[in-house]
Amino acid sequence: MGRASAEAAQTAEDFSCRFAQKADQFIGQRVGGAQRSAGAAAYSRNGYHFDVDAYGRTKDIQGTISRSAPNARSRTMQRRAGLPDRRPNEDGGHFIAPRFNGPAEAFNHFAQDANFNRGAYRALEDQWDKAAGAGKKVDVRIMVFYEGQSKRPAQIVVSYAINGEVRRRTFPNERQEKLNAKR
């Protein structure tokens, strides 16, 4: 297991315990006590909060899913996502999709394996969309892990609650499945 994977597993486990205890209160709120390094930034857009590290990499996203008419995509941001570490078989995907009022800015984009983007991640987004469409509250937190100073995520850990029922998924940003959906 790589360093990022071990760090992700421990952080996700720690978070999962806290998350399960107070899901209704915890999601969508800032995690207190963490010191932000020089050059790091935080952005709040459209009801979502993004923490970005000193290398310009998004590390943590929190918010409540809102269904809306899809925002315009930024093809430029999608093309630039993860550069210079982006691989040839990757899409410029969104942490929070335009259909959920996700911002078009660079901090909401990442280099994502095309199969992952159009397969497992899209299926997760479809699950959120279905729940939100049924009037359920969908709170999310996405933690992003990188190898070294790479601009390309190695893994993302998604914790979410649908009407308070907490779930967690860990996704390596690698080709793991056959592409079965077209965009």
C-alpha atoms as a PDB file:
ATOM      1  CA  MET A   1       0.000   0.000   0.000  1.00  0.00           C
ATOM      2  CA  GLY A   2       1.455   3.379  -1.003  1.00  0.00           C
ATOM      3  CA  ARG A   3       1.880   6.289   1.364  1.00  0.00           C
ATOM      4  CA  ALA A   4      -1.132   8.140  -0.072  1.00  0.00           C
ATOM      5  CA  SER A   5      -3.270   4.997   0.237  1.00  0.00           C
ATOM      6  CA  ALA A   6      -2.261   4.425   3.867  1.00  0.00           C
ATOM      7  CA  GLU A   7      -2.829   8.095   4.669  1.00  0.00           C
ATOM      8  CA  ALA A   8      -6.199   7.998   2.912  1.00  0.00           C
ATOM      9  CA  ALA A   9      -7.265   4.864   4.771  1.00  0.00           C
ATOM     10  CA  GLN A  10      -6.354   6.282   8.189  1.00  0.00           C
ATOM     11  CA  THR A  11      -7.857   9.704   7.478  1.00  0.00           C
ATOM     12  CA  ALA A  12     -10.995   8.125   6.056  1.00  0.00           C
ATOM     13  CA  GLU A  13     -11.318   5.809   9.065  1.00  0.00           C
ATOM     14  CA  ASP A  14     -10.872   8.704  11.506  1.00  0.00           C
ATOM     15  CA  PHE A  15     -13.332  10.811   9.562  1.00  0.00           C
ATOM     16  CA  SER A  16     -15.827   7.972   9.253  1.00  0.00           C
ATOM     17  CA  CYS A  17     -16.011   7.562  13.026  1.00  0.00           C
ATOM     18  CA  ARG A  18     -16.628  11.276  13.585  1.00  0.00           C
ATOM     19  CA  PHE A  19     -18.943  11.419  10.597  1.00  0.00           C
ATOM     20  CA  ALA A  20     -21.147   8.577  11.795  1.00  0.00           C
ATOM     21  CA  GLN A  21     -21.514  10.164  15.228  1.00  0.00           C
ATOM     22  CA  LYS A  22     -22.820  13.503  13.999  1.00  0.00           C
ATOM     23  CA  ALA A  23     -23.645  13.213  10.314  1.00  0.00           C
ATOM     24  CA  ASP A  24     -26.461  15.745  10.408  1.00  0.00           C
ATOM     25  CA  GLN A  25     -24.278  18.398  12.026  1.00  0.00           C
ATOM     26  CA  PHE A  26     -20.868  17.524  10.635  1.00  0.00           C
ATOM     27  CA  ILE A  27     -21.298  17.521   6.871  1.00  0.00           C
ATOM     28  CA  GLY A  28     -21.273  20.941   5.313  1.00  0.00           C
ATOM     29  CA  GLN A  29     -19.393  22.461   8.228  1.00  0.00           C
ATOM     30  CA  ARG A  30     -15.722  23.276   8.279  1.00  0.00           C
ATOM     31  CA  VAL A  31     -13.483  20.893  10.130  1.00  0.00           C
ATOM     32  CA  GLY A  32     -12.006  22.897  12.987  1.00  0.00           C
ATOM     33  CA  GLY A  33      -8.517  22.842  14.381  1.00  0.00           C
ATOM     34  CA  ALA A  34      -6.594  22.256  11.160  1.00  0.00           C
ATOM     35  CA  GLN A  35      -3.858  24.743  10.388  1.00  0.00           C
ATOM     36  CA  ARG A  36      -3.737  25.939   6.814  1.00  0.00           C
ATOM     37  CA  SER A  37      -0.257  26.055   5.293  1.00  0.00           C
ATOM     38  CA  ALA A  38       1.134  29.154   3.600  1.00  0.00           C
ATOM     39  CA  GLY A  39      -0.309  29.544   0.129  1.00  0.00           C
ATOM     40  CA  ALA A  40      -3.355  27.397   0.865  1.00  0.00           C
ATOM     41  CA  ALA A  41      -6.806  28.766   0.108  1.00  0.00           C
ATOM     42  CA  ALA A  42     -10.471  28.118   0.735  1.00  0.00           C
ATOM     43  CA  TYR A  43     -13.350  28.821  -1.621  1.00  0.00           C
ATOM     44  CA  SER A  44     -17.088  28.733  -1.024  1.00  0.00           C
ATOM     45  CA  ARG A  45     -19.227  28.595  -4.138  1.00  0.00           C
ATOM     46  CA  ASN A  46     -22.832  27.619  -4.743  1.00  0.00           C
ATOM     47  CA  GLY A  47     -23.194  26.078  -1.281  1.00  0.00           C
ATOM     48  CA  TYR A  48     -19.993  24.012  -1.472  1.00  0.00           C
ATOM     49  CA  HIS A  49     -16.726  24.564   0.369  1.00  0.00           C
ATOM     50  CA  PHE A  50     -13.367  23.731  -1.248  1.00  0.00           C
ATOM     51  CA  ASP A  51     -10.012  23.628   0.575  1.00  0.00           C
ATOM     52  CA  VAL A  52      -6.988  23.973  -1.706  1.00  0.00           C
ATOM     53  CA  ASP A  53      -3.385  23.345  -0.661  1.00  0.00           C
ATOM     54  CA  ALA A  54      -0.295  25.439  -1.380  1.00  0.00           C
ATOM     55  CA  TYR A  55       0.250  23.494  -4.641  1.00  0.00           C
ATOM     56  CA  GLY A  56      -3.180  24.551  -5.935  1.00  0.00           C
ATOM     57  CA  ARG A  57      -4.656  21.069  -5.426  1.00  0.00           C
ATOM     58  CA  THR A  58      -8.134  20.626  -4.042  1.00  0.00           C
ATOM     59  CA  LYS A  59      -7.915  18.511  -0.885  1.00  0.00           C
ATOM     60  CA  ASP A  60     -11.370  18.653   0.718  1.00  0.00           C
ATOM     61  CA  ILE A  61     -14.875  19.452  -0.539  1.00  0.00           C
ATOM     62  CA  GLN A  62     -18.009  19.691   1.590  1.00  0.00           C
ATOM     63  CA  GLY A  63     -21.603  20.648   0.948  1.00  0.00           C
ATOM     64  CA  THR A  64     -25.206  19.657   0.435  1.00  0.00           C
ATOM     65  CA  ILE A  65     -26.189  18.459  -3.027  1.00  0.00           C
ATOM     66  CA  SER A  66     -28.592  20.785  -4.801  1.00  0.00           C
ATOM     67  CA  ARG A  67     -30.299  19.836  -8.028  1.00  0.00           C
ATOM     68  CA  SER A  68     -30.453  22.586 -10.581  1.00  0.00           C
ATOM     69  CA  ALA A  69     -30.395  23.207 -14.273  1.00  0.00           C
ATOM     70  CA  PRO A  70     -26.830  22.226 -15.181  1.00  0.00           C
ATOM     71  CA  ASN A  71     -24.307  25.043 -15.090  1.00  0.00           C
ATOM     72  CA  ALA A  72     -22.282  25.611 -18.205  1.00  0.00           C
ATOM     73  CA  ARG A  73     -19.198  23.410 -18.231  1.00  0.00           C
ATOM     74  CA  SER A  74     -15.804  25.016 -18.555  1.00  0.00           C
ATOM     75  CA  ARG A  75     -14.161  23.033 -21.321  1.00  0.00           C
ATOM     76  CA  THR A  76     -10.959  24.995 -20.682  1.00  0.00           C
ATOM     77  CA  MET A  77     -10.862  23.938 -17.007  1.00  0.00           C
ATOM     78  CA  GLN A  78     -11.681  20.357 -18.004  1.00  0.00           C
ATOM     79  CA  ARG A  79      -8.783  20.310 -20.505  1.00  0.00           C
ATOM     80  CA  ARG A  80      -6.352  21.766 -17.947  1.00  0.00           C
ATOM     81  CA  ALA A  81      -7.367  19.563 -14.999  1.00  0.00           C
ATOM     82  CA  GLY A  82      -4.389  17.743 -13.508  1.00  0.00           C
ATOM     83  CA  LEU A  83      -1.766  19.144 -15.859  1.00  0.00           C
ATOM     84  CA  PRO A  84       1.120  18.448 -16.166  1.00  0.00           C
ATOM     85  CA  ASP A  85       0.519  15.067 -14.479  1.00  0.00           C
ATOM     86  CA  ARG A  86      -2.635  14.139 -16.365  1.00  0.00           C
ATOM     87  CA  ARG A  87      -2.547  10.859 -18.304  1.00  0.00           C
ATOM     88  CA  PRO A  88      -3.674  10.388 -21.931  1.00  0.00           C
ATOM     89  CA  ASN A  89      -6.705   8.226 -20.984  1.00  0.00           C
ATOM     90  CA  GLU A  90      -8.154  10.764 -18.560  1.00  0.00           C
ATOM     91  CA  ASP A  91     -11.037  13.203 -18.507  1.00  0.00           C
ATOM     92  CA  GLY A  92     -11.156  16.541 -16.775  1.00  0.00           C
ATOM     93  CA  GLY A  93     -13.865  15.551 -14.317  1.00  0.00           C
ATOM     94  CA  HIS A  94     -15.723  17.498 -11.649  1.00  0.00           C
ATOM     95  CA  PHE A  95     -15.708  16.897  -7.922  1.00  0.00           C
ATOM     96  CA  ILE A  96     -19.226  18.407  -7.868  1.00  0.00           C
ATOM     97  CA  ALA A  97     -21.007  18.026 -11.212  1.00  0.00           C
ATOM     98  CA  PRO A  98     -22.670  20.938 -13.026  1.00  0.00           C
ATOM     99  CA  ARG A  99     -26.073  19.275 -12.494  1.00  0.00           C
ATOM    100  CA  PHE A 100     -25.544  19.849  -8.750  1.00  0.00           C
ATOM    101  CA  ASN A 101     -24.621  23.501  -9.237  1.00  0.00           C
ATOM    102  CA  GLY A 102     -20.909  22.675  -9.040  1.00  0.00           C
ATOM    103  CA  PRO A 103     -18.720  25.658  -9.909  1.00  0.00           C
ATOM    104  CA  ALA A 104     -16.899  25.855 -13.250  1.00  0.00           C
ATOM    105  CA  GLU A 105     -13.660  27.001 -11.609  1.00  0.00           C
ATOM    106  CA  ALA A 106     -10.382  25.044 -11.638  1.00  0.00           C
ATOM    107  CA  PHE A 107     -10.633  23.920  -7.989  1.00  0.00           C
ATOM    108  CA  ASN A 108     -13.727  21.844  -8.890  1.00  0.00           C
ATOM    109  CA  HIS A 109     -11.904  19.882 -11.625  1.00  0.00           C
ATOM    110  CA  PHE A 110      -9.456  17.010 -11.510  1.00  0.00           C
ATOM    111  CA  ALA A 111      -7.732  14.582 -13.859  1.00  0.00           C
ATOM    112  CA  GLN A 112      -9.911  11.497 -13.679  1.00  0.00           C
ATOM    113  CA  ASP A 113      -9.502   8.139 -15.365  1.00  0.00           C
ATOM    114  CA  ALA A 114     -12.146   8.109 -18.122  1.00  0.00           C
ATOM    115  CA  ASN A 115     -13.623   4.780 -16.992  1.00  0.00           C
ATOM    116  CA  PHE A 116     -13.817   5.973 -13.396  1.00  0.00           C
ATOM    117  CA  ASN A 117     -15.376   9.303 -14.447  1.00  0.00           C
ATOM    118  CA  ARG A 118     -17.981   7.765 -16.735  1.00  0.00           C
ATOM    119  CA  GLY A 119     -18.540   4.626 -14.658  1.00  0.00           C
ATOM    120  CA  ALA A 120     -18.302   4.398 -10.865  1.00  0.00           C
ATOM    121  CA  TYR A 121     -18.201   8.150 -10.165  1.00  0.00           C
ATOM    122  CA  ARG A 122     -21.110   8.848 -12.481  1.00  0.00           C
ATOM    123  CA  ALA A 123     -23.104   6.021 -10.845  1.00  0.00           C
ATOM    124  CA  LEU A 124     -22.476   7.668  -7.462  1.00  0.00           C
ATOM    125  CA  GLU A 125     -23.627  11.031  -8.841  1.00  0.00           C
ATOM    126  CA  ASP A 126     -26.740   9.335 -10.257  1.00  0.00           C
ATOM    127  CA  GLN A 127     -27.473   7.923  -6.792  1.00  0.00           C
ATOM    128  CA  TRP A 128     -27.207  11.412  -5.279  1.00  0.00           C
ATOM    129  CA  ASP A 129     -29.398  12.842  -8.039  1.00  0.00           C
ATOM    130  CA  LYS A 130     -32.092  10.222  -7.502  1.00  0.00           C
ATOM    131  CA  ALA A 131     -32.107  10.792  -3.736  1.00  0.00           C
ATOM    132  CA  ALA A 132     -32.168  14.589  -4.054  1.00  0.00           C
ATOM    133  CA  GLY A 133     -34.927  14.298  -6.673  1.00  0.00           C
ATOM    134  CA  ALA A 134     -36.967  12.297  -4.154  1.00  0.00           C
ATOM    135  CA  GLY A 135     -36.655  15.168  -1.676  1.00  0.00           C
ATOM    136  CA  LYS A 136     -33.946  13.583   0.450  1.00  0.00           C
ATOM    137  CA  LYS A 137     -31.093  15.596   1.928  1.00  0.00           C
ATOM    138  CA  VAL A 138     -27.729  14.566   0.463  1.00  0.00           C
ATOM    139  CA  ASP A 139     -24.638  15.831   2.285  1.00  0.00           C
ATOM    140  CA  VAL A 140     -21.191  15.072   0.906  1.00  0.00           C
ATOM    141  CA  ARG A 141     -17.554  15.310   1.841  1.00  0.00           C
ATOM    142  CA  ILE A 142     -14.851  14.438  -0.668  1.00  0.00           C
ATOM    143  CA  MET A 143     -11.273  14.027   0.553  1.00  0.00           C
ATOM    144  CA  VAL A 144      -8.594  13.988  -2.128  1.00  0.00           C
ATOM    145  CA  PHE A 145      -5.183  12.320  -1.795  1.00  0.00           C
ATOM    146  CA  TYR A 146      -2.135  12.866  -3.993  1.00  0.00           C
ATOM    147  CA  GLU A 147       1.255  11.197  -4.436  1.00  0.00           C
ATOM    148  CA  GLY A 148       4.028  13.678  -3.674  1.00  0.00           C
ATOM    149  CA  GLN A 149       3.465  16.992  -5.439  1.00  0.00           C
ATOM    150  CA  SER A 150       1.466  15.523  -8.325  1.00  0.00           C
ATOM    151  CA  LYS A 151      -1.501  17.548  -9.581  1.00  0.00           C
ATOM    152  CA  ARG A 152      -3.311  14.289 -10.357  1.00  0.00           C
ATOM    153  CA  PRO A 153      -5.219  12.677  -7.450  1.00  0.00           C
ATOM    154  CA  ALA A 154      -4.188   9.128  -6.571  1.00  0.00           C
ATOM    155  CA  GLN A 155      -7.365   8.436  -4.624  1.00  0.00           C
ATOM    156  CA  ILE A 156     -10.550  10.093  -3.440  1.00  0.00           C
ATOM    157  CA  VAL A 157     -12.631   9.157  -0.428  1.00  0.00           C
ATOM    158  CA  VAL A 158     -16.282  10.166  -0.637  1.00  0.00           C
ATOM    159  CA  SER A 159     -18.351  10.202   2.545  1.00  0.00           C
ATOM    160  CA  TYR A 160     -21.987  11.095   2.150  1.00  0.00           C
ATOM    161  CA  ALA A 161     -25.248  10.951   4.037  1.00  0.00           C
ATOM    162  CA  ILE A 162     -28.671  10.505   2.483  1.00  0.00           C
ATOM    163  CA  ASN A 163     -31.242  11.612   5.060  1.00  0.00           C
ATOM    164  CA  GLY A 164     -28.641  10.945   7.746  1.00  0.00           C
ATOM    165  CA  GLU A 165     -27.700   7.436   6.574  1.00  0.00           C
ATOM    166  CA  VAL A 166     -23.921   7.607   6.276  1.00  0.00           C
ATOM    167  CA  ARG A 167     -21.996   5.835   3.541  1.00  0.00           C
ATOM    168  CA  ARG A 168     -18.392   5.918   2.368  1.00  0.00           C
ATOM    169  CA  ARG A 169     -16.715   4.983  -0.895  1.00  0.00           C
ATOM    170  CA  THR A 170     -13.008   4.926  -1.664  1.00  0.00           C
ATOM    171  CA  PHE A 171     -11.987   5.318  -5.283  1.00  0.00           C
ATOM    172  CA  PRO A 172      -8.472   4.814  -6.622  1.00  0.00           C
ATOM    173  CA  ASN A 173      -8.050   7.108  -9.618  1.00  0.00           C
ATOM    174  CA  GLU A 174      -7.086   4.209 -11.862  1.00  0.00           C
ATOM    175  CA  ARG A 175      -8.642   2.167 -14.631  1.00  0.00           C
ATOM    176  CA  GLN A 176     -10.587  -0.470 -12.678  1.00  0.00           C
ATOM    177  CA  GLU A 177     -13.622  -1.178 -14.778  1.00  0.00           C
ATOM    178  CA  LYS A 178     -14.692  -1.470 -18.350  1.00  0.00           C
ATOM    179  CA  LEU A 179     -16.259   1.706 -19.677  1.00  0.00           C
ATOM    180  CA  ASN A 180     -20.008   1.152 -19.896  1.00  0.00           C
ATOM    181  CA  ALA A 181     -21.418   4.650 -20.112  1.00  0.00           C
ATOM    182  CA  LYS A 182     -21.041   7.322 -22.766  1.00  0.00           C
ATOM    183  CA  ARG A 183     -21.041  11.042 -22.234  1.00  0.00           C
END
